[in-house]
PDB file of N, CA and C in Angstrom:
ATOM      1  N   MET A   1     -14.433   2.538  -5.069  1.00  0.00           N
ATOM      2  CA  MET A   1     -13.852   2.028  -3.836  1.00  0.00           C
ATOM      3  C   MET A   1     -14.711   2.504  -2.678  1.00  0.00           C
ATOM      4  N   ASN A   2     -14.951   1.631  -1.762  1.00  0.00           N
ATOM      5  CA  ASN A   2     -15.648   1.983  -0.528  1.00  0.00           C
ATOM      6  C   ASN A   2     -14.619   2.357   0.534  1.00  0.00           C
ATOM      7  N   TYR A   3     -14.995   3.297   1.375  1.00  0.00           N
ATOM      8  CA  TYR A   3     -14.111   3.747   2.450  1.00  0.00           C
ATOM      9  C   TYR A   3     -14.842   3.631   3.779  1.00  0.00           C
ATOM     10  N   ARG A   4     -14.052   3.433   4.819  1.00  0.00           N
ATOM     11  CA  ARG A   4     -14.603   3.303   6.172  1.00  0.00           C
ATOM     12  C   ARG A   4     -13.755   4.127   7.131  1.00  0.00           C
ATOM     13  N   ARG A   5     -14.373   4.549   8.200  1.00  0.00           N
ATOM     14  CA  ARG A   5     -13.640   5.288   9.230  1.00  0.00           C
ATOM     15  C   ARG A   5     -12.741   4.304   9.973  1.00  0.00           C
ATOM     16  N   LEU A   6     -11.517   4.716  10.225  1.00  0.00           N
ATOM     17  CA  LEU A   6     -10.551   3.882  10.926  1.00  0.00           C
ATOM     18  C   LEU A   6     -10.682   4.091  12.425  1.00  0.00           C
ATOM     19  N   GLY A   7     -11.252   3.106  13.100  1.00  0.00           N
ATOM     20  CA  GLY A   7     -11.398   3.157  14.550  1.00  0.00           C
ATOM     21  C   GLY A   7     -12.105   4.402  15.014  1.00  0.00           C
ATOM     22  N   ARG A   8     -11.517   5.073  15.983  1.00  0.00           N
ATOM     23  CA  ARG A   8     -12.110   6.296  16.531  1.00  0.00           C
ATOM     24  C   ARG A   8     -11.529   7.554  15.900  1.00  0.00           C
ATOM     25  N   THR A   9     -10.783   7.368  14.833  1.00  0.00           N
ATOM     26  CA  THR A   9     -10.175   8.518  14.161  1.00  0.00           C
ATOM     27  C   THR A   9     -11.144   9.065  13.122  1.00  0.00           C
ATOM     28  N   ASN A  10     -10.769  10.142  12.498  1.00  0.00           N
ATOM     29  CA  ASN A  10     -11.534  10.678  11.380  1.00  0.00           C
ATOM     30  C   ASN A  10     -10.912  10.275  10.044  1.00  0.00           C
ATOM     31  N   LEU A  11      -9.984   9.316  10.076  1.00  0.00           N
ATOM     32  CA  LEU A  11      -9.353   8.855   8.844  1.00  0.00           C
ATOM     33  C   LEU A  11     -10.297   7.938   8.079  1.00  0.00           C
ATOM     34  N   GLU A  12     -10.395   8.166   6.778  1.00  0.00           N
ATOM     35  CA  GLU A  12     -11.193   7.305   5.908  1.00  0.00           C
ATOM     36  C   GLU A  12     -10.224   6.418   5.132  1.00  0.00           C
ATOM     37  N   VAL A  13     -10.328   5.122   5.345  1.00  0.00           N
ATOM     38  CA  VAL A  13      -9.430   4.184   4.666  1.00  0.00           C
ATOM     39  C   VAL A  13     -10.230   3.294   3.733  1.00  0.00           C
ATOM     40  N   SER A  14      -9.564   2.844   2.678  1.00  0.00           N
ATOM     41  CA  SER A  14     -10.224   1.982   1.705  1.00  0.00           C
ATOM     42  C   SER A  14     -10.583   0.656   2.361  1.00  0.00           C
ATOM     43  N   SER A  15     -11.713   0.093   1.927  1.00  0.00           N
ATOM     44  CA  SER A  15     -12.139  -1.193   2.489  1.00  0.00           C
ATOM     45  C   SER A  15     -11.237  -2.324   2.016  1.00  0.00           C
ATOM     46  N   VAL A  16     -10.483  -2.084   0.956  1.00  0.00           N
ATOM     47  CA  VAL A  16      -9.484  -3.029   0.474  1.00  0.00           C
ATOM     48  C   VAL A  16      -8.127  -2.405   0.745  1.00  0.00           C
ATOM     49  N   GLY A  17      -7.240  -3.160   1.337  1.00  0.00           N
ATOM     50  CA  GLY A  17      -5.903  -2.659   1.626  1.00  0.00           C
ATOM     51  C   GLY A  17      -4.846  -3.618   1.122  1.00  0.00           C
ATOM     52  N   PHE A  18      -3.608  -3.196   1.213  1.00  0.00           N
ATOM     53  CA  PHE A  18      -2.481  -4.035   0.835  1.00  0.00           C
ATOM     54  C   PHE A  18      -1.782  -4.574   2.071  1.00  0.00           C
ATOM     55  N   GLY A  19      -1.535  -5.862   2.083  1.00  0.00           N
ATOM     56  CA  GLY A  19      -0.589  -6.469   3.002  1.00  0.00           C
ATOM     57  C   GLY A  19       0.690  -6.621   2.218  1.00  0.00           C
ATOM     58  N   THR A  20       1.811  -6.276   2.790  1.00  0.00           N
ATOM     59  CA  THR A  20       3.042  -6.192   1.996  1.00  0.00           C
ATOM     60  C   THR A  20       4.024  -7.334   2.234  1.00  0.00           C
ATOM     61  N   ASN A  21       3.642  -8.316   3.007  1.00  0.00           N
ATOM     62  CA  ASN A  21       4.560  -9.410   3.302  1.00  0.00           C
ATOM     63  C   ASN A  21       5.060 -10.089   2.029  1.00  0.00           C
ATOM     64  N   GLN A  22       4.178 -10.358   1.091  1.00  0.00           N
ATOM     65  CA  GLN A  22       4.568 -11.073  -0.123  1.00  0.00           C
ATOM     66  C   GLN A  22       5.165 -10.161  -1.195  1.00  0.00           C
ATOM     67  N   LEU A  23       4.936  -8.855  -1.117  1.00  0.00           N
ATOM     68  CA  LEU A  23       5.475  -7.940  -2.123  1.00  0.00           C
ATOM     69  C   LEU A  23       6.990  -8.017  -2.202  1.00  0.00           C
ATOM     70  N   ARG A  24       7.620  -8.226  -1.088  1.00  0.00           N
ATOM     71  CA  ARG A  24       9.088  -8.246  -1.059  1.00  0.00           C
ATOM     72  C   ARG A  24       9.658  -9.442  -1.794  1.00  0.00           C
ATOM     73  N   LEU A  25       8.823 -10.411  -2.149  1.00  0.00           N
ATOM     74  CA  LEU A  25       9.285 -11.584  -2.890  1.00  0.00           C
ATOM     75  C   LEU A  25       9.282 -11.337  -4.400  1.00  0.00           C
ATOM     76  N   LEU A  26       8.670 -10.241  -4.826  1.00  0.00           N
ATOM     77  CA  LEU A  26       8.610  -9.880  -6.238  1.00  0.00           C
ATOM     78  C   LEU A  26       9.791  -8.996  -6.602  1.00  0.00           C
ATOM     79  N   PRO A  27      10.137  -8.941  -7.897  1.00  0.00           N
ATOM     80  CA  PRO A  27      11.116  -7.920  -8.297  1.00  0.00           C
ATOM     81  C   PRO A  27      10.577  -6.541  -7.922  1.00  0.00           C
ATOM     82  N   GLU A  28      11.447  -5.645  -7.505  1.00  0.00           N
ATOM     83  CA  GLU A  28      10.997  -4.359  -6.967  1.00  0.00           C
ATOM     84  C   GLU A  28      10.123  -3.584  -7.945  1.00  0.00           C
ATOM     85  N   ASP A  29      10.488  -3.561  -9.235  1.00  0.00           N
ATOM     86  CA  ASP A  29       9.680  -2.796 -10.192  1.00  0.00           C
ATOM     87  C   ASP A  29       8.272  -3.361 -10.315  1.00  0.00           C
ATOM     88  N   VAL A  30       8.130  -4.665 -10.240  1.00  0.00           N
ATOM     89  CA  VAL A  30       6.813  -5.297 -10.307  1.00  0.00           C
ATOM     90  C   VAL A  30       6.011  -4.962  -9.048  1.00  0.00           C
ATOM     91  N   ALA A  31       6.650  -5.051  -7.897  1.00  0.00           N
ATOM     92  CA  ALA A  31       5.969  -4.756  -6.634  1.00  0.00           C
ATOM     93  C   ALA A  31       5.496  -3.309  -6.595  1.00  0.00           C
ATOM     94  N   VAL A  32       6.329  -2.387  -7.052  1.00  0.00           N
ATOM     95  CA  VAL A  32       5.948  -0.968  -7.087  1.00  0.00           C
ATOM     96  C   VAL A  32       4.763  -0.779  -8.015  1.00  0.00           C
ATOM     97  N   ASN A  33       4.780  -1.422  -9.175  1.00  0.00           N
ATOM     98  CA  ASN A  33       3.663  -1.289 -10.117  1.00  0.00           C
ATOM     99  C   ASN A  33       2.370  -1.867  -9.564  1.00  0.00           C
ATOM    100  N   VAL A  34       2.455  -2.948  -8.808  1.00  0.00           N
ATOM    101  CA  VAL A  34       1.261  -3.513  -8.167  1.00  0.00           C
ATOM    102  C   VAL A  34       0.652  -2.480  -7.225  1.00  0.00           C
ATOM    103  N   LEU A  35       1.474  -1.872  -6.410  1.00  0.00           N
ATOM    104  CA  LEU A  35       0.980  -0.843  -5.484  1.00  0.00           C
ATOM    105  C   LEU A  35       0.400   0.343  -6.241  1.00  0.00           C
ATOM    106  N   LEU A  36       1.074   0.788  -7.284  1.00  0.00           N
ATOM    107  CA  LEU A  36       0.593   1.936  -8.051  1.00  0.00           C
ATOM    108  C   LEU A  36      -0.771   1.664  -8.672  1.00  0.00           C
ATOM    109  N   GLU A  37      -0.985   0.464  -9.157  1.00  0.00           N
ATOM    110  CA  GLU A  37      -2.292   0.114  -9.725  1.00  0.00           C
ATOM    111  C   GLU A  37      -3.373   0.152  -8.646  1.00  0.00           C
ATOM    112  N   GLY A  38      -3.043  -0.342  -7.476  1.00  0.00           N
ATOM    113  CA  GLY A  38      -3.989  -0.277  -6.368  1.00  0.00           C
ATOM    114  C   GLY A  38      -4.301   1.158  -5.978  1.00  0.00           C
ATOM    115  N   PHE A  39      -3.275   2.010  -5.934  1.00  0.00           N
ATOM    116  CA  PHE A  39      -3.483   3.419  -5.601  1.00  0.00           C
ATOM    117  C   PHE A  39      -4.412   4.078  -6.622  1.00  0.00           C
ATOM    118  N   LYS A  40      -4.233   3.740  -7.906  1.00  0.00           N
ATOM    119  CA  LYS A  40      -5.104   4.285  -8.953  1.00  0.00           C
ATOM    120  C   LYS A  40      -6.560   3.889  -8.718  1.00  0.00           C
ATOM    121  N   ASP A  41      -6.762   2.708  -8.168  1.00  0.00           N
ATOM    122  CA  ASP A  41      -8.119   2.215  -7.907  1.00  0.00           C
ATOM    123  C   ASP A  41      -8.683   2.706  -6.578  1.00  0.00           C
ATOM    124  N   GLY A  42      -7.911   3.487  -5.840  1.00  0.00           N
ATOM    125  CA  GLY A  42      -8.418   4.085  -4.613  1.00  0.00           C
ATOM    126  C   GLY A  42      -7.931   3.458  -3.322  1.00  0.00           C
ATOM    127  N   VAL A  43      -7.053   2.470  -3.396  1.00  0.00           N
ATOM    128  CA  VAL A  43      -6.505   1.878  -2.169  1.00  0.00           C
ATOM    129  C   VAL A  43      -5.643   2.918  -1.474  1.00  0.00           C
ATOM    130  N   ASN A  44      -5.885   3.138  -0.194  1.00  0.00           N
ATOM    131  CA  ASN A  44      -5.080   4.094   0.567  1.00  0.00           C
ATOM    132  C   ASN A  44      -4.641   3.523   1.917  1.00  0.00           C
ATOM    133  N   PHE A  45      -4.754   2.219   2.068  1.00  0.00           N
ATOM    134  CA  PHE A  45      -4.386   1.559   3.318  1.00  0.00           C
ATOM    135  C   PHE A  45      -3.363   0.468   3.005  1.00  0.00           C
ATOM    136  N   VAL A  46      -2.157   0.635   3.533  1.00  0.00           N
ATOM    137  CA  VAL A  46      -1.066  -0.311   3.277  1.00  0.00           C
ATOM    138  C   VAL A  46      -0.483  -0.731   4.617  1.00  0.00           C
ATOM    139  N   HIS A  47      -0.418  -2.035   4.846  1.00  0.00           N
ATOM    140  CA  HIS A  47       0.131  -2.552   6.094  1.00  0.00           C
ATOM    141  C   HIS A  47       1.577  -2.983   5.880  1.00  0.00           C
ATOM    142  N   VAL A  48       2.469  -2.429   6.688  1.00  0.00           N
ATOM    143  CA  VAL A  48       3.868  -2.858   6.707  1.00  0.00           C
ATOM    144  C   VAL A  48       4.234  -3.246   8.128  1.00  0.00           C
ATOM    145  N   SER A  49       5.285  -4.010   8.246  1.00  0.00           N
ATOM    146  CA  SER A  49       5.744  -4.444   9.558  1.00  0.00           C
ATOM    147  C   SER A  49       7.252  -4.608   9.508  1.00  0.00           C
ATOM    148  N   THR A  50       7.883  -4.443  10.641  1.00  0.00           N
ATOM    149  CA  THR A  50       9.328  -4.681  10.688  1.00  0.00           C
ATOM    150  C   THR A  50       9.656  -6.135  10.363  1.00  0.00           C
ATOM    151  N   ASP A  51       8.679  -7.018  10.524  1.00  0.00           N
ATOM    152  CA  ASP A  51       8.881  -8.424  10.167  1.00  0.00           C
ATOM    153  C   ASP A  51       8.929  -8.634   8.661  1.00  0.00           C
ATOM    154  N   TYR A  52       8.419  -7.674   7.890  1.00  0.00           N
ATOM    155  CA  TYR A  52       8.393  -7.783   6.437  1.00  0.00           C
ATOM    156  C   TYR A  52       9.621  -7.079   5.857  1.00  0.00           C
ATOM    157  N   GLU A  53      10.777  -7.534   6.245  1.00  0.00           N
ATOM    158  CA  GLU A  53      12.027  -6.893   5.852  1.00  0.00           C
ATOM    159  C   GLU A  53      12.080  -6.667   4.341  1.00  0.00           C
ATOM    160  N   GLY A  54      12.309  -5.428   3.945  1.00  0.00           N
ATOM    161  CA  GLY A  54      12.398  -5.078   2.535  1.00  0.00           C
ATOM    162  C   GLY A  54      11.113  -4.506   1.961  1.00  0.00           C
ATOM    163  N   ALA A  55      10.003  -4.571   2.682  1.00  0.00           N
ATOM    164  CA  ALA A  55       8.729  -4.063   2.156  1.00  0.00           C
ATOM    165  C   ALA A  55       8.644  -2.539   2.241  1.00  0.00           C
ATOM    166  N   GLU A  56       9.181  -1.947   3.292  1.00  0.00           N
ATOM    167  CA  GLU A  56       9.049  -0.502   3.477  1.00  0.00           C
ATOM    168  C   GLU A  56       9.658   0.309   2.334  1.00  0.00           C
ATOM    169  N   PRO A  57      10.854  -0.031   1.842  1.00  0.00           N
ATOM    170  CA  PRO A  57      11.390   0.739   0.709  1.00  0.00           C
ATOM    171  C   PRO A  57      10.538   0.613  -0.552  1.00  0.00           C
ATOM    172  N   ILE A  58       9.895  -0.513  -0.737  1.00  0.00           N
ATOM    173  CA  ILE A  58       9.022  -0.702  -1.898  1.00  0.00           C
ATOM    174  C   ILE A  58       7.815   0.209  -1.783  1.00  0.00           C
ATOM    175  N   VAL A  59       7.208   0.250  -0.620  1.00  0.00           N
ATOM    176  CA  VAL A  59       6.044   1.109  -0.395  1.00  0.00           C
ATOM    177  C   VAL A  59       6.461   2.574  -0.538  1.00  0.00           C
ATOM    178  N   ALA A  60       7.606   2.931  -0.001  1.00  0.00           N
ATOM    179  CA  ALA A  60       8.093   4.312  -0.097  1.00  0.00           C
ATOM    180  C   ALA A  60       8.302   4.713  -1.553  1.00  0.00           C
ATOM    181  N   GLU A  61       8.851   3.834  -2.349  1.00  0.00           N
ATOM    182  CA  GLU A  61       9.068   4.142  -3.767  1.00  0.00           C
ATOM    183  C   GLU A  61       7.742   4.307  -4.501  1.00  0.00           C
ATOM    184  N   ALA A  62       6.784   3.443  -4.216  1.00  0.00           N
ATOM    185  CA  ALA A  62       5.468   3.563  -4.852  1.00  0.00           C
ATOM    186  C   ALA A  62       4.814   4.884  -4.451  1.00  0.00           C
ATOM    187  N   MET A  63       4.959   5.274  -3.206  1.00  0.00           N
ATOM    188  CA  MET A  63       4.380   6.539  -2.753  1.00  0.00           C
ATOM    189  C   MET A  63       5.054   7.727  -3.447  1.00  0.00           C
ATOM    190  N   ARG A  64       6.371   7.636  -3.658  1.00  0.00           N
ATOM    191  CA  ARG A  64       7.084   8.705  -4.366  1.00  0.00           C
ATOM    192  C   ARG A  64       6.571   8.854  -5.797  1.00  0.00           C
ATOM    193  N   GLN A  65       6.301   7.703  -6.425  1.00  0.00           N
ATOM    194  CA  GLN A  65       5.874   7.723  -7.830  1.00  0.00           C
ATOM    195  C   GLN A  65       4.402   8.039  -8.024  1.00  0.00           C
ATOM    196  N   HIS A  66       3.615   7.863  -6.988  1.00  0.00           N
ATOM    197  CA  HIS A  66       2.163   8.057  -7.093  1.00  0.00           C
ATOM    198  C   HIS A  66       1.828   9.523  -7.351  1.00  0.00           C
ATOM    199  N   LYS A  67       0.970   9.756  -8.311  1.00  0.00           N
ATOM    200  CA  LYS A  67       0.625  11.121  -8.714  1.00  0.00           C
ATOM    201  C   LYS A  67      -0.650  11.634  -8.066  1.00  0.00           C
ATOM    202  N   GLY A  68      -1.252  10.856  -7.137  1.00  0.00           N
ATOM    203  CA  GLY A  68      -2.546  11.217  -6.587  1.00  0.00           C
ATOM    204  C   GLY A  68      -2.548  12.062  -5.382  1.00  0.00           C
TER     205      GLY A  68
END
């Protein structure tokens, strides 16, 4: 995975990230597993929005389960 500096911060984020708008349309266990697979591959940038109702709990669950 390639990483890049985020703006003027010292944060290094993956060049590939997750948009979560469509994740909420999947069964929760499937959506969590999709995120977990991405985390295993080095994805560390996930975009959520209040407009994506239901996405935040999915991301939170994947983060709880992630062993990295």
